[in-house]
Every structure is written in structure tokens, then in C-alpha cells.
Amino acid sequence: MRVPWPFRRESPQGAGPRREFAEALDPQPPLYRSPTLKALVSRLSSETSYHILDLGVASGANVEFFSRFSGQLQIADLPDALASEELRSLLRTDPAAAFRRLLPVAWKQFDIVLAWDVLNYLSRDQFRCLATHVTSLCQPGALMFALVSTQKEMSGVPQVFKIVDEQTLLLQPRTTAVQLSPRFPPAEVERLMSGFSVVQSVVMRHGVREYLLVRH
């Protein structure tokens, strides 16, 4: 789904020194502060438009948040797309082909990717294939916002994250079921996301590590 609207573009700060720290702010989930979302928004300017790829579940709140700027938003909704039996089978046998089918080459390379917690629900090979494909869809300097679980267990399906303001997210679980979390360590995230570099890494108190990454 493509949603046209004006929004801000990243200022030419590029990839500065990496920041890594533990977040200690209220409020707690389901409403919580996201220093990494704030860092992403702080890099945007009103002078240029963006092309954004949202890998997560469609959210009217997120479309509305970015509607004040100018550009285009493409929602992939990977959680629901990958729930089909046909794609689950292809994802197991040929993940690269699955992602090529779900994320075809766009008319314009993306400037921002919102991965949310989608990466937690992929095997390492699937993670690597998705990262490789997304890298090919992004222009140099593109930013990615991702959440990686740090707890032993996580929600049974990807959750819905709604932007309340530039530093606050509303977390909406879609099931009460839980499953084991892969808990990808930071070094492995960097290895699997070889086309991106980590700009900021924040350990949150509700069991996730937020990442802001930049395309080489």
C-alpha cells in the first residue's frame, strides 16, 4: 500500500559516532518513550521529501504522523503477508525469493525503513536475506529503525507499534501467546545487517534493544 504525503528528509549529518546506552525513562509499556525514534526524527528536515518503507503492520497513526511532511510511504505488512501457508513454505525453502516477491523493486529507492520487531520472527538465514534485499532497495545514507528482543520470551506474533509523537510509541500486542525469543546479540545484528552500520543502540527496560542504522 502506498500513501503519498509531504514529510521531512534526513539532514546531511550522515553516520556519526555510535551511541549506546540504557534507557531509563517513563512511561512504561504499552506507552513508552523511544529515544531512537526521537533520534530518527531529529535527523529529518523539511527541505527534502522521503520515500519510506514500513515493514510492519499498517497503522493509521503512523501514516498520520508522517502526513505532516512530504514524500511517499509504502507499507509491506510483512507479519500478515508471511502468515500465508504458501509464503511460509517459500520462506523456509528460499527466503531470498520470498522477500523478492513481497518487496519488489520500487520506482525510487527508500530513504527510511521501519522494521519494528519483524526481525525477531525470522531465522538467521531469513534475517540475512531480508537485510540483503532491503539494502538493495535503499539509497546510501538511508536510515533503518529496528527493535530486537532482549528477553527470553516475546509475543507470539509481531506487535503493532503506533507513533504517538516524535518520542513516544504505543505498543499493542495482537495475541497473549508467547514464544521463545532469538535474542540476537548486537554483534550478530551488525553481521546480519552487513549493508548498514549501527548509529545508535539503546537497551530499553521493557525487553528490547532499539537500533538506528544507516545504509553504507
N, C-alpha and C. Protein backbone atom coordinates (compact mmCIF):
# COMPACT_ATOMS: atom_id res chain seq x y z
N MET A 1 0.85 -1.18 0.00
CA MET A 1 0.00 0.00 0.00
C MET A 1 0.89 1.24 0.00
N ARG A 2 0.61 2.18 -0.88
CA ARG A 2 1.39 3.41 -0.96
C ARG A 2 0.53 4.58 -0.50
N VAL A 3 1.10 5.39 0.32
CA VAL A 3 0.39 6.55 0.85
C VAL A 3 1.21 7.80 0.57
N PRO A 4 0.75 8.69 -0.34
CA PRO A 4 1.54 9.90 -0.62
C PRO A 4 1.27 10.99 0.41
N TRP A 5 2.31 11.68 0.81
CA TRP A 5 2.19 12.86 1.66
C TRP A 5 3.52 13.57 1.80
N PRO A 6 3.54 14.86 2.24
CA PRO A 6 4.79 15.58 2.45
C PRO A 6 5.42 15.26 3.78
N PHE A 7 6.69 15.06 3.89
CA PHE A 7 7.35 14.87 5.18
C PHE A 7 8.81 15.23 5.09
N ARG A 8 9.50 15.20 6.22
CA ARG A 8 10.87 15.73 6.28
C ARG A 8 11.93 14.72 5.88
N ARG A 9 13.03 15.25 5.38
CA ARG A 9 14.13 14.39 4.98
C ARG A 9 15.29 14.53 5.94
N GLU A 10 16.10 13.50 6.02
CA GLU A 10 17.28 13.49 6.90
C GLU A 10 18.20 14.63 6.54
N SER A 11 18.66 15.33 7.55
CA SER A 11 19.68 16.35 7.33
C SER A 11 21.00 15.67 7.04
N PRO A 12 21.93 16.34 6.39
CA PRO A 12 23.16 15.68 5.95
C PRO A 12 24.14 15.44 7.08
N GLN A 13 23.65 14.86 8.17
CA GLN A 13 24.55 14.56 9.29
C GLN A 13 25.36 13.29 9.03
N GLY A 14 24.76 12.39 8.19
CA GLY A 14 25.46 11.15 7.91
C GLY A 14 25.51 10.28 9.14
N ALA A 15 26.41 9.32 9.12
CA ALA A 15 26.54 8.40 10.24
C ALA A 15 27.60 8.93 11.19
N GLY A 16 27.16 9.49 12.29
CA GLY A 16 28.11 9.99 13.28
C GLY A 16 28.58 8.88 14.18
N PRO A 17 29.27 9.21 15.27
CA PRO A 17 29.75 8.19 16.19
C PRO A 17 28.57 7.43 16.78
N ARG A 18 28.76 6.15 16.97
CA ARG A 18 27.71 5.32 17.52
C ARG A 18 27.42 5.70 18.95
N ARG A 19 26.13 5.69 19.32
CA ARG A 19 25.72 5.93 20.70
C ARG A 19 25.08 4.66 21.23
N GLU A 20 25.51 4.23 22.40
CA GLU A 20 24.94 3.04 23.01
C GLU A 20 24.76 3.31 24.49
N PHE A 21 23.53 3.15 24.96
CA PHE A 21 23.26 3.44 26.36
C PHE A 21 21.98 2.74 26.78
N ALA A 22 21.70 2.76 28.07
CA ALA A 22 20.49 2.14 28.61
C ALA A 22 19.46 3.22 28.86
N GLU A 23 18.24 2.98 28.38
CA GLU A 23 17.16 3.94 28.54
C GLU A 23 16.53 3.78 29.91
N ALA A 24 16.20 4.89 30.56
CA ALA A 24 15.64 4.81 31.91
C ALA A 24 14.53 5.83 32.10
N LEU A 25 13.68 5.96 31.08
CA LEU A 25 12.63 6.96 31.12
C LEU A 25 11.26 6.30 31.28
N ASP A 26 10.32 7.01 31.91
CA ASP A 26 8.93 6.62 31.94
C ASP A 26 8.26 7.31 30.75
N PRO A 27 7.08 6.89 30.32
CA PRO A 27 6.27 5.83 30.89
C PRO A 27 6.68 4.45 30.40
N GLN A 28 6.17 3.43 31.05
CA GLN A 28 6.42 2.04 30.68
C GLN A 28 5.35 1.58 29.68
N PRO A 29 5.58 0.41 29.05
CA PRO A 29 4.59 -0.11 28.10
C PRO A 29 3.23 -0.25 28.75
N PRO A 30 2.12 -0.16 27.97
CA PRO A 30 2.13 -0.12 26.50
C PRO A 30 2.50 1.24 25.89
N LEU A 31 2.60 2.29 26.71
CA LEU A 31 3.02 3.60 26.21
C LEU A 31 4.42 3.86 26.72
N TYR A 32 5.38 4.04 25.82
CA TYR A 32 6.74 4.25 26.29
C TYR A 32 7.51 5.20 25.39
N ARG A 33 8.52 5.79 25.94
CA ARG A 33 9.37 6.72 25.21
C ARG A 33 10.41 5.96 24.40
N SER A 34 10.65 6.44 23.22
CA SER A 34 11.61 5.79 22.32
C SER A 34 12.69 6.79 21.93
N PRO A 35 13.85 6.75 22.59
CA PRO A 35 14.93 7.67 22.24
C PRO A 35 15.44 7.47 20.82
N THR A 36 15.27 6.26 20.28
CA THR A 36 15.77 6.01 18.93
C THR A 36 14.83 6.58 17.88
N LEU A 37 13.52 6.51 18.13
CA LEU A 37 12.58 7.19 17.25
C LEU A 37 12.86 8.70 17.26
N LYS A 38 13.11 9.23 18.44
CA LYS A 38 13.43 10.66 18.56
C LYS A 38 14.69 10.99 17.76
N ALA A 39 15.71 10.10 17.84
CA ALA A 39 16.95 10.33 17.09
C ALA A 39 16.69 10.30 15.59
N LEU A 40 15.81 9.40 15.15
CA LEU A 40 15.46 9.34 13.74
C LEU A 40 14.80 10.62 13.28
N VAL A 41 13.77 11.06 14.02
CA VAL A 41 13.03 12.26 13.64
C VAL A 41 13.93 13.49 13.66
N SER A 42 14.89 13.52 14.60
CA SER A 42 15.77 14.69 14.72
C SER A 42 16.66 14.85 13.49
N ARG A 43 16.81 13.79 12.70
CA ARG A 43 17.65 13.85 11.50
C ARG A 43 16.88 14.33 10.28
N LEU A 44 15.58 14.55 10.43
CA LEU A 44 14.76 14.94 9.28
C LEU A 44 14.68 16.45 9.15
N SER A 45 14.57 16.90 7.91
CA SER A 45 14.40 18.33 7.66
C SER A 45 13.26 18.52 6.67
N SER A 46 12.72 19.70 6.62
CA SER A 46 11.55 19.99 5.77
C SER A 46 11.94 20.31 4.33
N GLU A 47 13.22 20.24 4.04
CA GLU A 47 13.68 20.71 2.73
C GLU A 47 13.60 19.66 1.63
N THR A 48 13.57 18.38 2.01
CA THR A 48 13.56 17.32 1.01
C THR A 48 12.53 16.27 1.40
N SER A 49 11.95 15.58 0.43
CA SER A 49 10.96 14.54 0.73
C SER A 49 11.60 13.17 0.80
N TYR A 50 10.94 12.28 1.52
CA TYR A 50 11.41 10.91 1.72
C TYR A 50 10.53 9.88 1.05
N HIS A 51 11.13 8.74 0.81
CA HIS A 51 10.40 7.54 0.40
C HIS A 51 10.62 6.53 1.54
N ILE A 52 9.53 6.12 2.20
CA ILE A 52 9.64 5.28 3.40
C ILE A 52 9.05 3.90 3.16
N LEU A 53 9.74 2.89 3.64
CA LEU A 53 9.26 1.50 3.61
C LEU A 53 8.93 1.08 5.04
N ASP A 54 7.68 0.74 5.31
CA ASP A 54 7.24 0.25 6.62
C ASP A 54 7.03 -1.25 6.50
N LEU A 55 7.88 -2.04 7.18
CA LEU A 55 7.79 -3.49 7.10
C LEU A 55 6.71 -4.06 8.01
N GLY A 56 6.21 -3.25 8.94
CA GLY A 56 5.29 -3.75 9.94
C GLY A 56 3.83 -3.71 9.54
N VAL A 57 2.98 -3.90 10.56
CA VAL A 57 1.54 -3.89 10.38
C VAL A 57 1.08 -2.46 10.09
N ALA A 58 0.13 -2.30 9.16
CA ALA A 58 -0.37 -0.98 8.82
C ALA A 58 -0.96 -0.28 10.03
N SER A 59 -0.65 0.99 10.19
CA SER A 59 -1.16 1.78 11.31
C SER A 59 -1.53 3.17 10.83
N GLY A 60 -2.81 3.54 11.01
CA GLY A 60 -3.26 4.86 10.62
C GLY A 60 -2.54 5.95 11.39
N ALA A 61 -2.20 5.67 12.67
CA ALA A 61 -1.50 6.66 13.49
C ALA A 61 -0.14 7.00 12.89
N ASN A 62 0.55 5.99 12.35
CA ASN A 62 1.88 6.23 11.78
C ASN A 62 1.78 6.99 10.46
N VAL A 63 0.76 6.66 9.66
CA VAL A 63 0.54 7.41 8.42
C VAL A 63 0.25 8.87 8.76
N GLU A 64 -0.59 9.08 9.77
CA GLU A 64 -0.93 10.44 10.17
C GLU A 64 0.29 11.19 10.70
N PHE A 65 1.15 10.50 11.46
CA PHE A 65 2.34 11.14 12.00
C PHE A 65 3.21 11.70 10.87
N PHE A 66 3.42 10.90 9.82
CA PHE A 66 4.29 11.33 8.73
C PHE A 66 3.57 12.22 7.72
N SER A 67 2.25 12.34 7.84
CA SER A 67 1.49 13.11 6.86
C SER A 67 1.79 14.60 6.92
N ARG A 68 2.43 15.04 7.98
CA ARG A 68 2.76 16.47 8.08
C ARG A 68 3.98 16.81 7.22
N PHE A 69 4.66 15.80 6.74
CA PHE A 69 5.84 16.01 5.92
C PHE A 69 5.49 15.71 4.46
N SER A 70 6.49 15.65 3.54
CA SER A 70 6.14 15.36 2.15
C SER A 70 6.97 14.23 1.57
N GLY A 71 6.32 13.27 0.90
CA GLY A 71 7.01 12.12 0.36
C GLY A 71 6.05 10.99 0.09
N GLN A 72 6.51 9.74 0.25
CA GLN A 72 5.66 8.60 -0.02
C GLN A 72 5.95 7.48 0.97
N LEU A 73 4.91 6.82 1.45
CA LEU A 73 5.02 5.72 2.40
C LEU A 73 4.51 4.45 1.74
N GLN A 74 5.31 3.39 1.80
CA GLN A 74 4.91 2.09 1.27
C GLN A 74 4.87 1.09 2.43
N ILE A 75 3.69 0.50 2.65
CA ILE A 75 3.51 -0.44 3.77
C ILE A 75 3.57 -1.86 3.24
N ALA A 76 4.54 -2.63 3.72
CA ALA A 76 4.73 -4.01 3.27
C ALA A 76 3.89 -4.99 4.08
N ASP A 77 3.63 -4.69 5.37
CA ASP A 77 2.86 -5.57 6.25
C ASP A 77 3.39 -7.01 6.21
N LEU A 78 4.70 -7.16 6.44
CA LEU A 78 5.31 -8.49 6.40
C LEU A 78 4.69 -9.49 7.37
N PRO A 79 4.31 -9.09 8.60
CA PRO A 79 3.73 -10.08 9.52
C PRO A 79 2.53 -10.82 8.94
N ASP A 80 1.60 -10.09 8.33
CA ASP A 80 0.43 -10.74 7.77
C ASP A 80 0.74 -11.45 6.45
N ALA A 81 1.60 -10.86 5.64
CA ALA A 81 1.95 -11.48 4.36
C ALA A 81 2.64 -12.82 4.56
N LEU A 82 3.53 -12.88 5.54
CA LEU A 82 4.28 -14.12 5.79
C LEU A 82 3.47 -15.16 6.54
N ALA A 83 2.25 -14.80 6.94
CA ALA A 83 1.40 -15.76 7.65
C ALA A 83 0.73 -16.74 6.70
N SER A 84 0.71 -16.45 5.40
CA SER A 84 0.08 -17.36 4.45
C SER A 84 0.93 -18.62 4.30
N GLU A 85 0.27 -19.75 4.12
CA GLU A 85 0.98 -21.03 4.05
C GLU A 85 1.95 -21.07 2.88
N GLU A 86 1.53 -20.51 1.73
CA GLU A 86 2.40 -20.52 0.55
C GLU A 86 3.70 -19.78 0.82
N LEU A 87 3.60 -18.61 1.42
CA LEU A 87 4.80 -17.83 1.67
C LEU A 87 5.62 -18.41 2.81
N ARG A 88 4.96 -19.02 3.79
CA ARG A 88 5.73 -19.68 4.86
C ARG A 88 6.58 -20.79 4.29
N SER A 89 6.03 -21.54 3.35
CA SER A 89 6.79 -22.62 2.71
C SER A 89 7.96 -22.06 1.91
N LEU A 90 7.71 -20.99 1.13
CA LEU A 90 8.78 -20.38 0.35
C LEU A 90 9.83 -19.76 1.25
N LEU A 91 9.39 -19.19 2.36
CA LEU A 91 10.33 -18.58 3.30
C LEU A 91 11.28 -19.61 3.88
N ARG A 92 10.78 -20.82 4.07
CA ARG A 92 11.63 -21.89 4.60
C ARG A 92 12.62 -22.41 3.56
N THR A 93 12.16 -22.51 2.31
CA THR A 93 13.00 -23.12 1.27
C THR A 93 13.87 -22.12 0.52
N ASP A 94 13.36 -20.92 0.31
CA ASP A 94 14.10 -19.92 -0.46
C ASP A 94 13.72 -18.53 0.05
N PRO A 95 14.25 -18.13 1.21
CA PRO A 95 13.85 -16.84 1.79
C PRO A 95 14.15 -15.65 0.89
N ALA A 96 15.24 -15.72 0.12
CA ALA A 96 15.56 -14.60 -0.77
C ALA A 96 14.45 -14.40 -1.80
N ALA A 97 13.92 -15.50 -2.34
CA ALA A 97 12.83 -15.41 -3.32
C ALA A 97 11.56 -14.89 -2.66
N ALA A 98 11.31 -15.28 -1.42
CA ALA A 98 10.11 -14.82 -0.70
C ALA A 98 10.14 -13.30 -0.54
N PHE A 99 11.29 -12.77 -0.16
CA PHE A 99 11.37 -11.32 0.04
C PHE A 99 11.36 -10.56 -1.28
N ARG A 100 11.90 -11.15 -2.33
CA ARG A 100 11.81 -10.50 -3.64
C ARG A 100 10.36 -10.41 -4.10
N ARG A 101 9.57 -11.43 -3.78
CA ARG A 101 8.16 -11.42 -4.15
C ARG A 101 7.39 -10.38 -3.33
N LEU A 102 7.69 -10.30 -2.03
CA LEU A 102 6.95 -9.41 -1.15
C LEU A 102 7.39 -7.96 -1.28
N LEU A 103 8.66 -7.75 -1.59
CA LEU A 103 9.22 -6.39 -1.65
C LEU A 103 9.87 -6.17 -3.02
N PRO A 104 9.05 -5.98 -4.05
CA PRO A 104 9.62 -5.75 -5.38
C PRO A 104 10.37 -4.43 -5.44
N VAL A 105 11.22 -4.30 -6.42
CA VAL A 105 12.00 -3.07 -6.58
C VAL A 105 11.04 -1.90 -6.78
N ALA A 106 11.22 -0.85 -6.02
CA ALA A 106 10.34 0.31 -6.08
C ALA A 106 10.80 1.27 -7.18
N TRP A 107 9.91 2.21 -7.52
CA TRP A 107 10.25 3.19 -8.55
C TRP A 107 11.35 4.13 -8.06
N LYS A 108 11.49 4.23 -6.76
CA LYS A 108 12.51 5.09 -6.17
C LYS A 108 13.08 4.39 -4.95
N GLN A 109 14.39 4.51 -4.75
CA GLN A 109 14.99 3.87 -3.59
C GLN A 109 14.51 4.52 -2.29
N PHE A 110 14.45 3.70 -1.24
CA PHE A 110 13.92 4.17 0.03
C PHE A 110 14.96 4.97 0.81
N ASP A 111 14.45 5.94 1.59
CA ASP A 111 15.27 6.76 2.47
C ASP A 111 15.19 6.30 3.92
N ILE A 112 14.06 5.68 4.29
CA ILE A 112 13.83 5.23 5.67
C ILE A 112 13.15 3.88 5.64
N VAL A 113 13.57 2.99 6.51
CA VAL A 113 12.92 1.68 6.69
C VAL A 113 12.51 1.55 8.15
N LEU A 114 11.23 1.26 8.37
CA LEU A 114 10.71 0.99 9.71
C LEU A 114 10.54 -0.52 9.84
N ALA A 115 11.47 -1.17 10.54
CA ALA A 115 11.44 -2.62 10.66
C ALA A 115 10.65 -3.08 11.88
N TRP A 116 10.46 -2.18 12.87
CA TRP A 116 9.77 -2.52 14.11
C TRP A 116 10.35 -3.81 14.70
N ASP A 117 9.50 -4.79 15.09
CA ASP A 117 10.03 -6.02 15.69
C ASP A 117 10.00 -7.21 14.73
N VAL A 118 9.85 -6.94 13.43
CA VAL A 118 9.74 -8.01 12.43
C VAL A 118 10.94 -8.94 12.45
N LEU A 119 12.13 -8.40 12.67
CA LEU A 119 13.36 -9.20 12.60
C LEU A 119 13.38 -10.32 13.64
N ASN A 120 12.68 -10.13 14.76
CA ASN A 120 12.66 -11.14 15.81
C ASN A 120 11.99 -12.44 15.37
N TYR A 121 11.20 -12.40 14.32
CA TYR A 121 10.40 -13.55 13.91
C TYR A 121 11.00 -14.26 12.70
N LEU A 122 12.27 -13.98 12.43
CA LEU A 122 12.98 -14.59 11.31
C LEU A 122 14.13 -15.45 11.81
N SER A 123 14.44 -16.51 11.06
CA SER A 123 15.65 -17.26 11.35
C SER A 123 16.85 -16.41 10.94
N ARG A 124 18.03 -16.85 11.30
CA ARG A 124 19.22 -16.07 10.94
C ARG A 124 19.39 -15.97 9.43
N ASP A 125 19.11 -17.05 8.72
CA ASP A 125 19.23 -17.01 7.26
C ASP A 125 18.18 -16.09 6.66
N GLN A 126 16.95 -16.13 7.19
CA GLN A 126 15.90 -15.24 6.72
C GLN A 126 16.23 -13.79 7.03
N PHE A 127 16.74 -13.54 8.23
CA PHE A 127 17.17 -12.20 8.64
C PHE A 127 18.20 -11.67 7.63
N ARG A 128 19.20 -12.49 7.33
CA ARG A 128 20.26 -12.07 6.41
C ARG A 128 19.70 -11.78 5.02
N CYS A 129 18.80 -12.64 4.54
CA CYS A 129 18.23 -12.45 3.20
C CYS A 129 17.37 -11.19 3.13
N LEU A 130 16.57 -10.95 4.18
CA LEU A 130 15.77 -9.73 4.20
C LEU A 130 16.67 -8.50 4.23
N ALA A 131 17.70 -8.53 5.07
CA ALA A 131 18.60 -7.39 5.18
C ALA A 131 19.30 -7.11 3.85
N THR A 132 19.72 -8.17 3.17
CA THR A 132 20.38 -8.00 1.87
C THR A 132 19.45 -7.39 0.85
N HIS A 133 18.20 -7.87 0.84
CA HIS A 133 17.24 -7.35 -0.13
C HIS A 133 16.87 -5.90 0.19
N VAL A 134 16.62 -5.60 1.45
CA VAL A 134 16.27 -4.23 1.83
C VAL A 134 17.42 -3.28 1.51
N THR A 135 18.66 -3.73 1.73
CA THR A 135 19.82 -2.90 1.39
C THR A 135 19.80 -2.51 -0.07
N SER A 136 19.41 -3.47 -0.94
CA SER A 136 19.37 -3.18 -2.38
C SER A 136 18.27 -2.20 -2.75
N LEU A 137 17.27 -2.05 -1.87
CA LEU A 137 16.16 -1.14 -2.13
C LEU A 137 16.39 0.26 -1.56
N CYS A 138 17.49 0.43 -0.82
CA CYS A 138 17.74 1.70 -0.14
C CYS A 138 18.92 2.45 -0.77
N GLN A 139 18.82 3.76 -0.75
CA GLN A 139 19.92 4.56 -1.23
C GLN A 139 20.95 4.75 -0.12
N PRO A 140 22.20 5.04 -0.46
CA PRO A 140 23.21 5.31 0.58
C PRO A 140 22.75 6.41 1.52
N GLY A 141 22.95 6.20 2.82
CA GLY A 141 22.52 7.17 3.81
C GLY A 141 21.13 6.91 4.34
N ALA A 142 20.42 5.92 3.78
CA ALA A 142 19.08 5.59 4.27
C ALA A 142 19.15 5.11 5.71
N LEU A 143 18.11 5.38 6.47
CA LEU A 143 18.05 5.03 7.88
C LEU A 143 17.09 3.88 8.12
N MET A 144 17.42 3.02 9.08
CA MET A 144 16.53 1.93 9.48
C MET A 144 16.32 1.98 10.99
N PHE A 145 15.06 1.85 11.40
CA PHE A 145 14.69 1.78 12.81
C PHE A 145 14.21 0.37 13.08
N ALA A 146 14.84 -0.33 14.05
CA ALA A 146 14.50 -1.72 14.33
C ALA A 146 14.52 -1.99 15.83
N LEU A 147 13.69 -2.95 16.25
CA LEU A 147 13.59 -3.35 17.65
C LEU A 147 13.92 -4.84 17.76
N VAL A 148 14.90 -5.19 18.58
CA VAL A 148 15.32 -6.58 18.75
C VAL A 148 15.10 -6.99 20.20
N SER A 149 14.41 -8.10 20.38
CA SER A 149 14.06 -8.56 21.73
C SER A 149 15.31 -8.95 22.52
N THR A 150 15.32 -8.60 23.82
CA THR A 150 16.41 -9.00 24.70
C THR A 150 15.93 -9.97 25.78
N GLN A 151 14.63 -10.30 25.77
CA GLN A 151 14.08 -11.20 26.77
C GLN A 151 14.05 -12.64 26.29
N LYS A 152 13.86 -13.57 27.23
CA LYS A 152 13.81 -14.99 26.88
C LYS A 152 12.57 -15.30 26.05
N GLU A 153 11.45 -14.64 26.36
CA GLU A 153 10.21 -14.84 25.62
C GLU A 153 9.71 -13.52 25.04
N MET A 154 8.93 -13.63 23.97
CA MET A 154 8.35 -12.45 23.32
C MET A 154 6.95 -12.81 22.84
N SER A 155 6.23 -11.83 22.34
CA SER A 155 4.89 -12.07 21.82
C SER A 155 4.91 -13.11 20.71
N GLY A 156 3.83 -13.89 20.62
CA GLY A 156 3.77 -14.95 19.62
C GLY A 156 3.73 -14.46 18.18
N VAL A 157 3.34 -13.22 17.96
CA VAL A 157 3.32 -12.61 16.63
C VAL A 157 3.84 -11.19 16.74
N PRO A 158 4.33 -10.62 15.64
CA PRO A 158 4.79 -9.22 15.69
C PRO A 158 3.69 -8.30 16.22
N GLN A 159 4.11 -7.30 16.99
CA GLN A 159 3.16 -6.40 17.62
C GLN A 159 2.92 -5.16 16.76
N VAL A 160 1.92 -4.39 17.14
CA VAL A 160 1.62 -3.15 16.45
C VAL A 160 2.23 -2.01 17.25
N PHE A 161 3.01 -1.17 16.57
CA PHE A 161 3.62 -0.01 17.20
C PHE A 161 3.03 1.24 16.57
N LYS A 162 2.37 2.06 17.39
CA LYS A 162 1.75 3.29 16.90
C LYS A 162 2.51 4.50 17.43
N ILE A 163 2.86 5.40 16.53
CA ILE A 163 3.59 6.60 16.93
C ILE A 163 2.61 7.59 17.55
N VAL A 164 2.87 7.97 18.79
CA VAL A 164 2.05 8.96 19.49
C VAL A 164 2.60 10.36 19.22
N ASP A 165 3.90 10.51 19.36
CA ASP A 165 4.58 11.74 18.98
C ASP A 165 6.01 11.36 18.64
N GLU A 166 6.87 12.33 18.41
CA GLU A 166 8.20 12.04 17.88
C GLU A 166 9.10 11.27 18.85
N GLN A 167 8.67 11.08 20.10
CA GLN A 167 9.48 10.29 21.02
C GLN A 167 8.67 9.29 21.83
N THR A 168 7.43 9.04 21.43
CA THR A 168 6.57 8.14 22.19
C THR A 168 5.88 7.14 21.28
N LEU A 169 5.88 5.87 21.70
CA LEU A 169 5.23 4.79 20.97
C LEU A 169 4.15 4.15 21.84
N LEU A 170 3.07 3.74 21.20
CA LEU A 170 2.03 2.95 21.86
C LEU A 170 2.18 1.52 21.37
N LEU A 171 2.39 0.59 22.30
CA LEU A 171 2.58 -0.82 21.97
C LEU A 171 1.26 -1.56 22.11
N GLN A 172 0.84 -2.26 21.04
CA GLN A 172 -0.40 -3.01 21.05
C GLN A 172 -0.14 -4.46 20.65
N PRO A 173 -0.03 -5.38 21.64
CA PRO A 173 0.13 -6.80 21.31
C PRO A 173 -1.10 -7.31 20.57
N ARG A 174 -0.89 -8.26 19.66
CA ARG A 174 -2.01 -8.82 18.90
C ARG A 174 -2.40 -10.21 19.40
N THR A 175 -1.70 -10.72 20.41
CA THR A 175 -2.03 -12.01 20.98
C THR A 175 -1.46 -12.07 22.39
N THR A 176 -2.04 -12.96 23.21
CA THR A 176 -1.50 -13.18 24.55
C THR A 176 -0.49 -14.33 24.54
N ALA A 177 -0.39 -15.04 23.41
CA ALA A 177 0.56 -16.15 23.30
C ALA A 177 1.99 -15.62 23.27
N VAL A 178 2.91 -16.45 23.74
CA VAL A 178 4.32 -16.08 23.72
C VAL A 178 5.13 -17.19 23.05
N GLN A 179 6.34 -16.85 22.65
CA GLN A 179 7.27 -17.82 22.09
C GLN A 179 8.68 -17.43 22.49
N LEU A 180 9.61 -18.36 22.30
CA LEU A 180 10.99 -18.06 22.63
C LEU A 180 11.53 -16.97 21.72
N SER A 181 12.34 -16.12 22.29
CA SER A 181 12.94 -15.03 21.54
C SER A 181 14.33 -15.44 21.05
N PRO A 182 14.71 -15.05 19.81
CA PRO A 182 16.06 -15.38 19.33
C PRO A 182 17.14 -14.59 20.06
N ARG A 183 16.77 -13.43 20.62
CA ARG A 183 17.71 -12.58 21.34
C ARG A 183 19.02 -12.38 20.57
N PHE A 184 18.91 -11.90 19.35
CA PHE A 184 20.10 -11.67 18.53
C PHE A 184 21.04 -10.71 19.26
N PRO A 185 22.28 -11.11 19.53
CA PRO A 185 23.23 -10.20 20.18
C PRO A 185 23.65 -9.08 19.23
N PRO A 186 24.07 -7.94 19.78
CA PRO A 186 24.44 -6.79 18.92
C PRO A 186 25.45 -7.13 17.83
N ALA A 187 26.45 -7.94 18.15
CA ALA A 187 27.46 -8.27 17.14
C ALA A 187 26.84 -9.04 15.98
N GLU A 188 25.87 -9.90 16.29
CA GLU A 188 25.22 -10.67 15.23
C GLU A 188 24.30 -9.80 14.40
N VAL A 189 23.60 -8.86 15.04
CA VAL A 189 22.77 -7.93 14.29
C VAL A 189 23.62 -7.16 13.28
N GLU A 190 24.77 -6.70 13.71
CA GLU A 190 25.67 -5.97 12.82
C GLU A 190 26.15 -6.86 11.68
N ARG A 191 26.43 -8.12 11.99
CA ARG A 191 26.91 -9.05 10.95
C ARG A 191 25.80 -9.33 9.93
N LEU A 192 24.59 -9.59 10.41
CA LEU A 192 23.48 -9.90 9.51
C LEU A 192 23.04 -8.67 8.71
N MET A 193 23.18 -7.49 9.30
CA MET A 193 22.83 -6.24 8.62
C MET A 193 24.07 -5.64 7.99
N SER A 194 24.77 -6.42 7.21
CA SER A 194 26.09 -6.00 6.72
C SER A 194 26.05 -4.78 5.82
N GLY A 195 24.89 -4.47 5.23
CA GLY A 195 24.79 -3.29 4.38
C GLY A 195 24.54 -2.01 5.15
N PHE A 196 24.33 -2.14 6.48
CA PHE A 196 24.05 -0.99 7.34
C PHE A 196 25.07 -0.93 8.47
N SER A 197 25.24 0.25 9.03
CA SER A 197 26.07 0.44 10.22
C SER A 197 25.19 0.94 11.35
N VAL A 198 25.49 0.51 12.57
CA VAL A 198 24.72 0.94 13.74
C VAL A 198 25.13 2.36 14.12
N VAL A 199 24.15 3.26 14.18
CA VAL A 199 24.38 4.64 14.61
C VAL A 199 24.07 4.79 16.09
N GLN A 200 23.00 4.13 16.52
CA GLN A 200 22.58 4.23 17.93
C GLN A 200 21.97 2.90 18.36
N SER A 201 22.29 2.49 19.58
CA SER A 201 21.78 1.24 20.15
C SER A 201 21.38 1.53 21.59
N VAL A 202 20.08 1.29 21.90
CA VAL A 202 19.55 1.65 23.21
C VAL A 202 18.86 0.44 23.82
N VAL A 203 19.28 0.04 25.02
CA VAL A 203 18.63 -1.05 25.74
C VAL A 203 17.46 -0.48 26.53
N MET A 204 16.25 -0.94 26.21
CA MET A 204 15.05 -0.45 26.85
C MET A 204 14.65 -1.36 28.01
N ARG A 205 13.95 -0.79 28.99
CA ARG A 205 13.59 -1.55 30.17
C ARG A 205 12.48 -2.57 29.93
N HIS A 206 11.75 -2.44 28.83
CA HIS A 206 10.67 -3.39 28.57
C HIS A 206 11.11 -4.55 27.70
N GLY A 207 12.41 -4.78 27.60
CA GLY A 207 12.90 -6.02 27.00
C GLY A 207 13.23 -5.97 25.53
N VAL A 208 13.57 -4.79 25.00
CA VAL A 208 14.02 -4.69 23.62
C VAL A 208 15.25 -3.81 23.54
N ARG A 209 16.02 -3.99 22.50
CA ARG A 209 17.12 -3.09 22.17
C ARG A 209 16.72 -2.37 20.89
N GLU A 210 16.67 -1.05 20.97
CA GLU A 210 16.35 -0.25 19.80
C GLU A 210 17.61 0.03 18.98
N TYR A 211 17.47 -0.03 17.67
CA TYR A 211 18.60 0.26 16.78
C TYR A 211 18.22 1.34 15.79
N LEU A 212 19.15 2.25 15.58
CA LEU A 212 19.09 3.15 14.43
C LEU A 212 20.31 2.83 13.58
N LEU A 213 20.08 2.45 12.34
CA LEU A 213 21.16 2.04 11.44
C LEU A 213 21.16 2.93 10.20
N VAL A 214 22.30 3.04 9.54
CA VAL A 214 22.41 3.83 8.33
C VAL A 214 23.01 2.97 7.23
N ARG A 215 22.47 3.09 6.04
CA ARG A 215 22.95 2.34 4.87
C ARG A 215 24.30 2.89 4.45
N HIS A 216 25.26 1.96 4.18
CA HIS A 216 26.60 2.37 3.76
C HIS A 216 26.51 3.18 2.47
